[in-house]
Amino acid sequence: QVKLVESGGGSVQAGGSLNLSCETSGLIRTTENVACVGWFRQAPDKEREGVAAIYYDTGSTYLIDDVKGRFTISRDKTKATVYLQMNSLKPEDTAMYYCAADRDFGCMGWVQEIEYKYWGQGTQVTVSS
């Protein structure tokens, strides 16, 4: 059974930083690391959007233009955890952030929710001006 647990959300002022964690269990097989893990966010009254993703085996990363230069996605294989380091936060980054993942998925089309089978419960990020 695959489980994703997010943590690290909170309230910060504009310009601040947060580091989100997505602890995975049951996702990565011992014989292969083929999986894509993404971070999505959903602000009030807005659709959920893909923010970043990482191909678990090679560590190749993908980010939307809006967060490039401010957010970094990474993974620690020893902890089976994916991180989203968020710097220079803006009020418009305020949202519920979700971790999503699927196996046998090379991250092509990573911004599409439909590509991910497994989802976490989310962690709230609030940025005040």
C-alpha atoms as a PDB file:
ATOM      1  CA  GLN A   1       0.000   0.000   0.000  1.00  0.00           C
ATOM      2  CA  VAL A   2       1.358   3.358  -1.042  1.00  0.00           C
ATOM      3  CA  LYS A   3       1.128   6.213   1.411  1.00  0.00           C
ATOM      4  CA  LEU A   4       2.213   9.828   1.072  1.00  0.00           C
ATOM      5  CA  VAL A   5       2.412  12.123   4.094  1.00  0.00           C
ATOM      6  CA  GLU A   6       3.120  15.828   3.708  1.00  0.00           C
ATOM      7  CA  SER A   7       4.483  18.103   6.411  1.00  0.00           C
ATOM      8  CA  GLY A   8       6.216  21.438   6.773  1.00  0.00           C
ATOM      9  CA  GLY A   9       3.442  23.843   5.916  1.00  0.00           C
ATOM     10  CA  GLY A  10       2.761  26.929   7.979  1.00  0.00           C
ATOM     11  CA  SER A  11       2.321  30.681   7.986  1.00  0.00           C
ATOM     12  CA  VAL A  12       5.104  33.018   6.937  1.00  0.00           C
ATOM     13  CA  GLN A  13       5.495  36.573   5.800  1.00  0.00           C
ATOM     14  CA  ALA A  14       6.250  37.471   2.217  1.00  0.00           C
ATOM     15  CA  GLY A  15       9.886  36.829   1.435  1.00  0.00           C
ATOM     16  CA  GLY A  16      10.072  33.981   3.903  1.00  0.00           C
ATOM     17  CA  SER A  17      10.831  30.306   3.354  1.00  0.00           C
ATOM     18  CA  LEU A  18       9.287  26.930   4.041  1.00  0.00           C
ATOM     19  CA  ASN A  19      10.497  23.410   3.347  1.00  0.00           C
ATOM     20  CA  LEU A  20       7.743  20.909   2.618  1.00  0.00           C
ATOM     21  CA  SER A  21       8.329  17.195   3.011  1.00  0.00           C
ATOM     22  CA  CYS A  22       6.549  14.274   1.404  1.00  0.00           C
ATOM     23  CA  GLU A  23       7.356  11.030   3.157  1.00  0.00           C
ATOM     24  CA  THR A  24       6.554   8.059   0.957  1.00  0.00           C
ATOM     25  CA  SER A  25       5.989   4.466   1.897  1.00  0.00           C
ATOM     26  CA  GLY A  26       5.335   1.547  -0.385  1.00  0.00           C
ATOM     27  CA  LEU A  27       6.062   3.612  -3.485  1.00  0.00           C
ATOM     28  CA  ILE A  28       9.608   2.687  -4.360  1.00  0.00           C
ATOM     29  CA  ARG A  29      10.321  -0.935  -5.128  1.00  0.00           C
ATOM     30  CA  THR A  30      13.642  -2.333  -3.994  1.00  0.00           C
ATOM     31  CA  THR A  31      14.593  -3.354  -7.528  1.00  0.00           C
ATOM     32  CA  GLU A  32      13.821  -0.124  -9.318  1.00  0.00           C
ATOM     33  CA  ASN A  33      13.186   3.514  -8.639  1.00  0.00           C
ATOM     34  CA  VAL A  34      10.877   4.301 -11.530  1.00  0.00           C
ATOM     35  CA  ALA A  35       8.455   6.789 -10.117  1.00  0.00           C
ATOM     36  CA  CYS A  36       7.516  10.414 -10.458  1.00  0.00           C
ATOM     37  CA  VAL A  37       6.663  12.512  -7.429  1.00  0.00           C
ATOM     38  CA  GLY A  38       5.019  15.864  -7.857  1.00  0.00           C
ATOM     39  CA  TRP A  39       3.839  18.788  -5.790  1.00  0.00           C
ATOM     40  CA  PHE A  40       0.518  20.397  -6.571  1.00  0.00           C
ATOM     41  CA  ARG A  41      -1.224  23.332  -4.951  1.00  0.00           C
ATOM     42  CA  GLN A  42      -4.763  24.575  -4.758  1.00  0.00           C
ATOM     43  CA  ALA A  43      -5.673  28.082  -3.680  1.00  0.00           C
ATOM     44  CA  PRO A  44      -9.215  28.979  -2.590  1.00  0.00           C
ATOM     45  CA  ASP A  45     -11.578  29.174  -5.550  1.00  0.00           C
ATOM     46  CA  LYS A  46      -8.863  28.044  -7.963  1.00  0.00           C
ATOM     47  CA  GLU A  47      -8.101  24.797  -9.714  1.00  0.00           C
ATOM     48  CA  ARG A  48      -5.314  22.606  -8.484  1.00  0.00           C
ATOM     49  CA  GLU A  49      -2.098  23.180 -10.397  1.00  0.00           C
ATOM     50  CA  GLY A  50       1.164  21.324 -10.714  1.00  0.00           C
ATOM     51  CA  VAL A  51       4.108  23.164  -9.221  1.00  0.00           C
ATOM     52  CA  ALA A  52       7.083  20.814  -9.411  1.00  0.00           C
ATOM     53  CA  ALA A  53       8.000  17.190  -9.969  1.00  0.00           C
ATOM     54  CA  ILE A  54      11.001  14.920  -9.663  1.00  0.00           C
ATOM     55  CA  TYR A  55      11.853  11.701 -11.432  1.00  0.00           C
ATOM     56  CA  TYR A  56      12.819   9.599  -8.460  1.00  0.00           C
ATOM     57  CA  ASP A  57      15.528   7.466 -10.078  1.00  0.00           C
ATOM     58  CA  THR A  58      17.698  10.128 -11.693  1.00  0.00           C
ATOM     59  CA  GLY A  59      16.636  13.167  -9.714  1.00  0.00           C
ATOM     60  CA  SER A  60      15.624  15.108 -12.832  1.00  0.00           C
ATOM     61  CA  THR A  61      13.423  17.991 -11.791  1.00  0.00           C
ATOM     62  CA  TYR A  62      10.613  19.993 -13.348  1.00  0.00           C
ATOM     63  CA  LEU A  63       9.108  23.290 -12.204  1.00  0.00           C
ATOM     64  CA  ILE A  64       6.576  25.733 -13.543  1.00  0.00           C
ATOM     65  CA  ASP A  65       7.914  29.106 -14.626  1.00  0.00           C
ATOM     66  CA  ASP A  66       6.204  30.914 -11.758  1.00  0.00           C
ATOM     67  CA  VAL A  67       8.376  29.197  -9.150  1.00  0.00           C
ATOM     68  CA  LYS A  68      11.654  28.768 -11.001  1.00  0.00           C
ATOM     69  CA  GLY A  69      14.433  30.450  -9.086  1.00  0.00           C
ATOM     70  CA  ARG A  70      12.385  30.362  -5.874  1.00  0.00           C
ATOM     71  CA  PHE A  71      11.402  26.700  -5.343  1.00  0.00           C
ATOM     72  CA  THR A  72      13.590  23.621  -5.435  1.00  0.00           C
ATOM     73  CA  ILE A  73      12.419  20.023  -5.466  1.00  0.00           C
ATOM     74  CA  SER A  74      14.714  17.248  -4.275  1.00  0.00           C
ATOM     75  CA  ARG A  75      14.598  13.761  -2.862  1.00  0.00           C
ATOM     76  CA  ASP A  76      16.463  11.732  -0.268  1.00  0.00           C
ATOM     77  CA  LYS A  77      16.444   8.095  -1.292  1.00  0.00           C
ATOM     78  CA  THR A  78      17.610   6.939   2.123  1.00  0.00           C
ATOM     79  CA  LYS A  79      14.530   8.494   3.696  1.00  0.00           C
ATOM     80  CA  ALA A  80      12.144   7.883   0.772  1.00  0.00           C
ATOM     81  CA  THR A  81      11.215  11.541   1.107  1.00  0.00           C
ATOM     82  CA  VAL A  82      10.719  14.314  -1.436  1.00  0.00           C
ATOM     83  CA  TYR A  83      11.174  17.935  -0.461  1.00  0.00           C
ATOM     84  CA  LEU A  84       9.932  21.231  -1.808  1.00  0.00           C
ATOM     85  CA  GLN A  85      12.110  24.075  -0.612  1.00  0.00           C
ATOM     86  CA  MET A  86      10.227  27.316  -1.085  1.00  0.00           C
ATOM     87  CA  ASN A  87      12.083  30.620  -0.838  1.00  0.00           C
ATOM     88  CA  SER A  88      11.056  34.204  -1.515  1.00  0.00           C
ATOM     89  CA  LEU A  89       7.458  33.284  -0.873  1.00  0.00           C
ATOM     90  CA  LYS A  90       4.704  35.549  -2.157  1.00  0.00           C
ATOM     91  CA  PRO A  91       1.118  35.948  -0.973  1.00  0.00           C
ATOM     92  CA  GLU A  92      -0.009  34.323  -4.213  1.00  0.00           C
ATOM     93  CA  ASP A  93       1.800  31.137  -3.148  1.00  0.00           C
ATOM     94  CA  THR A  94      -0.844  30.707  -0.462  1.00  0.00           C
ATOM     95  CA  ALA A  95      -2.537  27.359  -1.043  1.00  0.00           C
ATOM     96  CA  MET A  96      -2.971  23.816   0.132  1.00  0.00           C
ATOM     97  CA  TYR A  97       0.034  21.888  -1.147  1.00  0.00           C
ATOM     98  CA  TYR A  98      -0.320  18.234  -2.100  1.00  0.00           C
ATOM     99  CA  CYS A  99       2.208  15.546  -2.807  1.00  0.00           C
ATOM    100  CA  ALA A 100       1.340  13.127  -5.611  1.00  0.00           C
ATOM    101  CA  ALA A 101       3.108  10.106  -7.045  1.00  0.00           C
ATOM    102  CA  ASP A 102       2.891   7.158  -9.353  1.00  0.00           C
ATOM    103  CA  ARG A 103       5.134   4.308 -10.385  1.00  0.00           C
ATOM    104  CA  ASP A 104       6.264   3.483 -13.922  1.00  0.00           C
ATOM    105  CA  PHE A 105       5.815   7.116 -14.814  1.00  0.00           C
ATOM    106  CA  GLY A 106       8.722   9.064 -16.221  1.00  0.00           C
ATOM    107  CA  CYS A 107       7.230  12.459 -15.396  1.00  0.00           C
ATOM    108  CA  MET A 108       6.119  13.177 -18.952  1.00  0.00           C
ATOM    109  CA  GLY A 109       3.002  15.273 -18.589  1.00  0.00           C
ATOM    110  CA  TRP A 110       3.856  15.799 -14.927  1.00  0.00           C
ATOM    111  CA  VAL A 111       1.567  18.820 -14.521  1.00  0.00           C
ATOM    112  CA  GLN A 112      -1.518  16.716 -15.239  1.00  0.00           C
ATOM    113  CA  GLU A 113      -3.300  15.460 -12.144  1.00  0.00           C
ATOM    114  CA  ILE A 114      -4.551  12.429 -14.012  1.00  0.00           C
ATOM    115  CA  GLU A 115      -0.991  11.086 -14.283  1.00  0.00           C
ATOM    116  CA  TYR A 116      -0.807  10.443 -10.543  1.00  0.00           C
ATOM    117  CA  LYS A 117      -2.464   7.548  -8.771  1.00  0.00           C
ATOM    118  CA  TYR A 118      -1.435   8.348  -5.207  1.00  0.00           C
ATOM    119  CA  TRP A 119      -2.088  11.539  -3.275  1.00  0.00           C
ATOM    120  CA  GLY A 120      -1.356  12.864   0.188  1.00  0.00           C
ATOM    121  CA  GLN A 121      -3.749  14.788   2.399  1.00  0.00           C
ATOM    122  CA  GLY A 122      -2.064  18.143   1.877  1.00  0.00           C
ATOM    123  CA  THR A 123      -0.342  20.764   3.997  1.00  0.00           C
ATOM    124  CA  GLN A 124      -1.427  24.393   4.201  1.00  0.00           C
ATOM    125  CA  VAL A 125       0.915  27.207   3.229  1.00  0.00           C
ATOM    126  CA  THR A 126      -0.128  30.763   4.056  1.00  0.00           C
ATOM    127  CA  VAL A 127       1.954  33.754   3.039  1.00  0.00           C
ATOM    128  CA  SER A 128       1.015  37.159   4.411  1.00  0.00           C
ATOM    129  CA  SER A 129       2.006  40.489   2.903  1.00  0.00           C
END
